[in-house]
Amino acid sequence: MPRPRRRRNIGFEPDVVLFKPAGIPAFELDTVILEMEELEAIRLKDFQEKDQAESAEKMGISQPTFHRLLLSARKKISDALVNGKAIKIEGGHYEFIDSPSQRRRRGRNFD
């Protein structure tokens, strides 16, 4: 039996959760699902330019796990950009936090 997944700490909630190529109706596009923790990894590493160790600590996960999330997110985003797919942000195993001691809300896909 596999070990249960730990919740990943997420520090923000996006206002926009769907991105698509212009001029093509969404129903005609294939969609890539970017999970909330993958978006958080991209935000911390690429947008805020934090190093992996600091980013992993903020998310409450190991550095190798953070690296896997980052690779997965980058692969999905590049697939969408190269192949003209929509990107939808949803799901995952996460918990919104304001600080490590103040947890607010859990992700939908976590039991």
N, C-alpha and C. Protein backbone atom coordinates (compact mmCIF):
# COMPACT_ATOMS: atom_id res chain seq x y z
N MET A 1 0.85 -1.18 0.00
CA MET A 1 0.00 0.00 0.00
C MET A 1 0.89 1.24 0.00
N PRO A 2 0.66 2.19 -0.93
CA PRO A 2 1.50 3.38 -1.00
C PRO A 2 1.27 4.31 0.19
N ARG A 3 2.29 5.07 0.48
CA ARG A 3 2.21 6.04 1.55
C ARG A 3 1.27 7.19 1.16
N PRO A 4 0.45 7.69 2.09
CA PRO A 4 -0.45 8.79 1.76
C PRO A 4 0.35 10.04 1.36
N ARG A 5 -0.19 10.79 0.41
CA ARG A 5 0.48 12.02 -0.03
C ARG A 5 0.30 13.12 1.00
N ARG A 6 1.36 13.88 1.22
CA ARG A 6 1.28 15.04 2.11
C ARG A 6 0.66 16.21 1.37
N ARG A 7 -0.06 17.03 2.09
CA ARG A 7 -0.58 18.25 1.50
C ARG A 7 0.57 19.21 1.26
N ARG A 8 0.50 19.92 0.15
CA ARG A 8 1.52 20.90 -0.16
C ARG A 8 0.98 22.28 0.21
N ASN A 9 1.80 23.11 0.81
CA ASN A 9 1.39 24.45 1.21
C ASN A 9 1.39 25.38 0.01
N ILE A 10 0.28 26.08 -0.18
CA ILE A 10 0.12 27.01 -1.28
C ILE A 10 -0.09 28.40 -0.70
N GLY A 11 0.66 29.39 -1.21
CA GLY A 11 0.62 30.72 -0.64
C GLY A 11 -0.27 31.72 -1.37
N PHE A 12 -0.95 31.31 -2.43
CA PHE A 12 -1.83 32.24 -3.14
C PHE A 12 -2.89 31.47 -3.92
N GLU A 13 -3.95 32.18 -4.26
CA GLU A 13 -5.01 31.59 -5.07
C GLU A 13 -5.15 32.42 -6.34
N PRO A 14 -5.01 31.80 -7.52
CA PRO A 14 -5.09 32.58 -8.75
C PRO A 14 -6.50 33.09 -9.02
N ASP A 15 -6.56 34.29 -9.61
CA ASP A 15 -7.85 34.87 -10.00
C ASP A 15 -8.34 34.27 -11.32
N VAL A 16 -7.40 33.90 -12.17
CA VAL A 16 -7.72 33.33 -13.49
C VAL A 16 -7.27 31.87 -13.49
N VAL A 17 -8.16 30.98 -13.91
CA VAL A 17 -7.82 29.55 -13.88
C VAL A 17 -7.88 28.87 -15.25
N LEU A 18 -8.08 29.65 -16.31
CA LEU A 18 -8.11 29.08 -17.65
C LEU A 18 -7.39 30.02 -18.61
N PHE A 19 -6.44 29.46 -19.36
CA PHE A 19 -5.71 30.18 -20.40
C PHE A 19 -5.85 29.38 -21.68
N LYS A 20 -6.11 30.09 -22.80
CA LYS A 20 -6.28 29.39 -24.06
C LYS A 20 -5.76 30.24 -25.21
N PRO A 21 -5.45 29.60 -26.32
CA PRO A 21 -5.04 30.36 -27.51
C PRO A 21 -6.18 31.24 -28.00
N ALA A 22 -5.84 32.43 -28.47
CA ALA A 22 -6.85 33.36 -28.97
C ALA A 22 -7.47 32.85 -30.27
N GLY A 23 -8.74 33.15 -30.44
CA GLY A 23 -9.41 32.87 -31.70
C GLY A 23 -9.94 31.45 -31.88
N ILE A 24 -9.76 30.60 -30.89
CA ILE A 24 -10.26 29.23 -30.98
C ILE A 24 -11.20 29.00 -29.80
N PRO A 25 -12.43 28.56 -30.04
CA PRO A 25 -13.34 28.28 -28.93
C PRO A 25 -12.77 27.21 -28.00
N ALA A 26 -12.96 27.39 -26.71
CA ALA A 26 -12.41 26.48 -25.70
C ALA A 26 -12.85 25.03 -25.93
N PHE A 27 -14.10 24.83 -26.38
CA PHE A 27 -14.59 23.46 -26.55
C PHE A 27 -13.88 22.72 -27.69
N GLU A 28 -13.19 23.44 -28.58
CA GLU A 28 -12.45 22.80 -29.66
C GLU A 28 -11.01 22.44 -29.28
N LEU A 29 -10.58 22.86 -28.11
CA LEU A 29 -9.18 22.67 -27.71
C LEU A 29 -8.99 21.49 -26.77
N ASP A 30 -7.85 20.84 -26.89
CA ASP A 30 -7.42 19.91 -25.85
C ASP A 30 -6.98 20.76 -24.66
N THR A 31 -7.12 20.21 -23.47
CA THR A 31 -6.80 20.96 -22.26
C THR A 31 -5.74 20.24 -21.44
N VAL A 32 -4.79 21.01 -20.94
CA VAL A 32 -3.78 20.51 -20.01
C VAL A 32 -4.21 20.96 -18.62
N ILE A 33 -4.23 20.04 -17.66
CA ILE A 33 -4.58 20.38 -16.28
C ILE A 33 -3.30 20.63 -15.49
N LEU A 34 -3.17 21.84 -14.98
CA LEU A 34 -2.04 22.22 -14.14
C LEU A 34 -2.55 22.26 -12.71
N GLU A 35 -2.03 21.36 -11.86
CA GLU A 35 -2.50 21.31 -10.47
C GLU A 35 -1.98 22.50 -9.69
N MET A 36 -2.68 22.84 -8.61
CA MET A 36 -2.34 24.01 -7.81
C MET A 36 -0.90 23.96 -7.29
N GLU A 37 -0.43 22.79 -6.86
CA GLU A 37 0.93 22.72 -6.33
C GLU A 37 1.97 22.87 -7.45
N GLU A 38 1.63 22.49 -8.66
CA GLU A 38 2.53 22.72 -9.79
C GLU A 38 2.62 24.22 -10.09
N LEU A 39 1.49 24.91 -10.05
CA LEU A 39 1.49 26.35 -10.25
C LEU A 39 2.29 27.05 -9.16
N GLU A 40 2.15 26.60 -7.93
CA GLU A 40 2.91 27.19 -6.82
C GLU A 40 4.40 26.98 -7.01
N ALA A 41 4.81 25.82 -7.50
CA ALA A 41 6.23 25.57 -7.77
C ALA A 41 6.75 26.54 -8.83
N ILE A 42 5.99 26.75 -9.89
CA ILE A 42 6.37 27.70 -10.95
C ILE A 42 6.43 29.12 -10.37
N ARG A 43 5.47 29.48 -9.57
CA ARG A 43 5.42 30.82 -8.98
C ARG A 43 6.65 31.08 -8.11
N LEU A 44 6.97 30.13 -7.24
CA LEU A 44 8.09 30.32 -6.33
C LEU A 44 9.44 30.32 -7.06
N LYS A 45 9.64 29.37 -7.95
CA LYS A 45 10.95 29.22 -8.60
C LYS A 45 11.14 30.21 -9.75
N ASP A 46 10.20 30.30 -10.66
CA ASP A 46 10.39 31.10 -11.86
C ASP A 46 9.94 32.56 -11.69
N PHE A 47 8.82 32.79 -11.02
CA PHE A 47 8.31 34.15 -10.89
C PHE A 47 9.01 34.90 -9.75
N GLN A 48 9.09 34.26 -8.56
CA GLN A 48 9.73 34.92 -7.43
C GLN A 48 11.24 34.67 -7.37
N GLU A 49 11.74 33.80 -8.23
CA GLU A 49 13.17 33.49 -8.35
C GLU A 49 13.80 33.01 -7.05
N LYS A 50 13.06 32.20 -6.30
CA LYS A 50 13.60 31.60 -5.08
C LYS A 50 14.35 30.32 -5.46
N ASP A 51 15.31 29.92 -4.63
CA ASP A 51 16.00 28.67 -4.93
C ASP A 51 15.13 27.48 -4.53
N GLN A 52 15.50 26.30 -5.00
CA GLN A 52 14.65 25.12 -4.78
C GLN A 52 14.52 24.76 -3.32
N ALA A 53 15.59 24.89 -2.55
CA ALA A 53 15.53 24.52 -1.14
C ALA A 53 14.54 25.42 -0.39
N GLU A 54 14.60 26.72 -0.63
CA GLU A 54 13.70 27.65 0.03
C GLU A 54 12.25 27.43 -0.43
N SER A 55 12.08 27.19 -1.72
CA SER A 55 10.74 26.94 -2.26
C SER A 55 10.14 25.67 -1.67
N ALA A 56 10.93 24.61 -1.61
CA ALA A 56 10.46 23.35 -1.04
C ALA A 56 10.06 23.52 0.41
N GLU A 57 10.85 24.27 1.15
CA GLU A 57 10.54 24.51 2.56
C GLU A 57 9.23 25.27 2.70
N LYS A 58 9.01 26.29 1.87
CA LYS A 58 7.75 27.05 1.91
C LYS A 58 6.55 26.15 1.64
N MET A 59 6.73 25.18 0.73
CA MET A 59 5.62 24.29 0.38
C MET A 59 5.48 23.11 1.34
N GLY A 60 6.45 22.93 2.23
CA GLY A 60 6.38 21.84 3.20
C GLY A 60 6.67 20.48 2.60
N ILE A 61 7.54 20.44 1.57
CA ILE A 61 7.88 19.19 0.89
C ILE A 61 9.40 19.09 0.75
N SER A 62 9.87 17.93 0.35
CA SER A 62 11.31 17.74 0.15
C SER A 62 11.74 18.42 -1.14
N GLN A 63 13.04 18.68 -1.24
CA GLN A 63 13.57 19.31 -2.45
C GLN A 63 13.39 18.42 -3.68
N PRO A 64 13.63 17.09 -3.59
CA PRO A 64 13.37 16.24 -4.76
C PRO A 64 11.90 16.27 -5.20
N THR A 65 10.97 16.31 -4.25
CA THR A 65 9.55 16.40 -4.60
C THR A 65 9.25 17.73 -5.28
N PHE A 66 9.83 18.80 -4.76
CA PHE A 66 9.66 20.11 -5.39
C PHE A 66 10.17 20.08 -6.83
N HIS A 67 11.34 19.49 -7.03
CA HIS A 67 11.93 19.40 -8.37
C HIS A 67 11.00 18.64 -9.33
N ARG A 68 10.41 17.53 -8.86
CA ARG A 68 9.48 16.77 -9.70
C ARG A 68 8.24 17.59 -10.06
N LEU A 69 7.71 18.36 -9.10
CA LEU A 69 6.56 19.23 -9.38
C LEU A 69 6.92 20.28 -10.43
N LEU A 70 8.10 20.86 -10.29
CA LEU A 70 8.55 21.89 -11.22
C LEU A 70 8.71 21.32 -12.63
N LEU A 71 9.32 20.15 -12.75
CA LEU A 71 9.47 19.52 -14.07
C LEU A 71 8.12 19.20 -14.69
N SER A 72 7.21 18.68 -13.89
CA SER A 72 5.88 18.34 -14.38
C SER A 72 5.14 19.59 -14.87
N ALA A 73 5.21 20.67 -14.09
CA ALA A 73 4.54 21.91 -14.46
C ALA A 73 5.13 22.48 -15.75
N ARG A 74 6.44 22.50 -15.85
CA ARG A 74 7.08 23.05 -17.05
C ARG A 74 6.75 22.23 -18.29
N LYS A 75 6.68 20.91 -18.12
CA LYS A 75 6.34 20.04 -19.26
C LYS A 75 4.91 20.32 -19.74
N LYS A 76 3.98 20.45 -18.81
CA LYS A 76 2.58 20.72 -19.16
C LYS A 76 2.44 22.07 -19.84
N ILE A 77 3.11 23.08 -19.30
CA ILE A 77 3.01 24.42 -19.88
C ILE A 77 3.63 24.45 -21.28
N SER A 78 4.78 23.81 -21.45
CA SER A 78 5.41 23.79 -22.78
C SER A 78 4.56 23.02 -23.78
N ASP A 79 3.92 21.92 -23.35
CA ASP A 79 3.02 21.16 -24.22
C ASP A 79 1.88 22.05 -24.70
N ALA A 80 1.30 22.81 -23.77
CA ALA A 80 0.18 23.69 -24.14
C ALA A 80 0.63 24.78 -25.11
N LEU A 81 1.78 25.37 -24.88
CA LEU A 81 2.26 26.45 -25.74
C LEU A 81 2.64 25.94 -27.13
N VAL A 82 3.35 24.84 -27.18
CA VAL A 82 3.82 24.30 -28.46
C VAL A 82 2.69 23.72 -29.28
N ASN A 83 1.74 23.05 -28.63
CA ASN A 83 0.68 22.34 -29.34
C ASN A 83 -0.66 23.07 -29.33
N GLY A 84 -0.70 24.31 -28.87
CA GLY A 84 -1.93 25.10 -28.91
C GLY A 84 -3.05 24.55 -28.06
N LYS A 85 -2.74 24.13 -26.85
CA LYS A 85 -3.76 23.60 -25.93
C LYS A 85 -4.12 24.65 -24.88
N ALA A 86 -5.28 24.49 -24.29
CA ALA A 86 -5.69 25.35 -23.17
C ALA A 86 -5.02 24.84 -21.90
N ILE A 87 -4.82 25.73 -20.94
CA ILE A 87 -4.28 25.37 -19.62
C ILE A 87 -5.35 25.68 -18.59
N LYS A 88 -5.74 24.66 -17.84
CA LYS A 88 -6.73 24.84 -16.78
C LYS A 88 -6.05 24.54 -15.45
N ILE A 89 -6.20 25.43 -14.49
CA ILE A 89 -5.59 25.27 -13.17
C ILE A 89 -6.66 24.75 -12.22
N GLU A 90 -6.42 23.52 -11.71
CA GLU A 90 -7.39 22.94 -10.78
C GLU A 90 -6.80 21.71 -10.11
N GLY A 91 -7.37 21.37 -8.98
CA GLY A 91 -7.06 20.12 -8.30
C GLY A 91 -5.71 20.08 -7.63
N GLY A 92 -5.41 18.91 -7.09
CA GLY A 92 -4.16 18.68 -6.41
C GLY A 92 -4.35 18.36 -4.95
N HIS A 93 -3.24 18.16 -4.26
CA HIS A 93 -3.23 17.87 -2.82
C HIS A 93 -2.55 19.04 -2.14
N TYR A 94 -3.33 20.01 -1.71
CA TYR A 94 -2.75 21.24 -1.20
C TYR A 94 -3.58 21.82 -0.08
N GLU A 95 -3.00 22.82 0.55
CA GLU A 95 -3.65 23.56 1.61
C GLU A 95 -3.23 25.01 1.48
N PHE A 96 -4.18 25.93 1.42
CA PHE A 96 -3.85 27.35 1.37
C PHE A 96 -3.37 27.78 2.75
N ILE A 97 -2.30 28.55 2.79
CA ILE A 97 -1.78 29.04 4.07
C ILE A 97 -1.41 30.51 3.94
N ASP A 98 -1.51 31.21 5.06
CA ASP A 98 -0.98 32.58 5.14
C ASP A 98 0.40 32.52 5.77
N SER A 99 0.57 31.60 6.69
CA SER A 99 1.86 31.33 7.32
C SER A 99 1.86 29.85 7.69
N PRO A 100 3.03 29.26 7.98
CA PRO A 100 3.06 27.82 8.30
C PRO A 100 2.15 27.42 9.45
N SER A 101 1.86 28.33 10.38
CA SER A 101 1.02 27.97 11.52
C SER A 101 -0.45 28.31 11.30
N GLN A 102 -0.77 28.94 10.19
CA GLN A 102 -2.15 29.39 9.95
C GLN A 102 -2.69 28.77 8.67
N ARG A 103 -3.31 27.62 8.76
CA ARG A 103 -3.85 26.93 7.59
C ARG A 103 -5.29 27.33 7.37
N ARG A 104 -5.67 27.50 6.09
CA ARG A 104 -7.01 28.00 5.78
C ARG A 104 -7.91 27.00 5.10
N ARG A 105 -7.50 26.45 3.97
CA ARG A 105 -8.42 25.66 3.16
C ARG A 105 -7.66 24.56 2.43
N ARG A 106 -8.26 23.40 2.31
CA ARG A 106 -7.64 22.26 1.63
C ARG A 106 -8.08 22.16 0.20
N GLY A 107 -7.22 21.52 -0.61
CA GLY A 107 -7.56 21.27 -2.01
C GLY A 107 -8.69 20.28 -2.14
N ARG A 108 -9.38 20.37 -3.24
CA ARG A 108 -10.57 19.56 -3.48
C ARG A 108 -10.28 18.08 -3.62
N ASN A 109 -9.13 17.73 -4.18
CA ASN A 109 -8.85 16.33 -4.48
C ASN A 109 -8.17 15.60 -3.33
N PHE A 110 -8.13 16.18 -2.15
CA PHE A 110 -7.46 15.54 -1.03
C PHE A 110 -8.49 14.96 -0.08
N ASP A 111 -8.34 13.70 0.24
CA ASP A 111 -9.29 13.05 1.16
C ASP A 111 -8.80 13.13 2.58
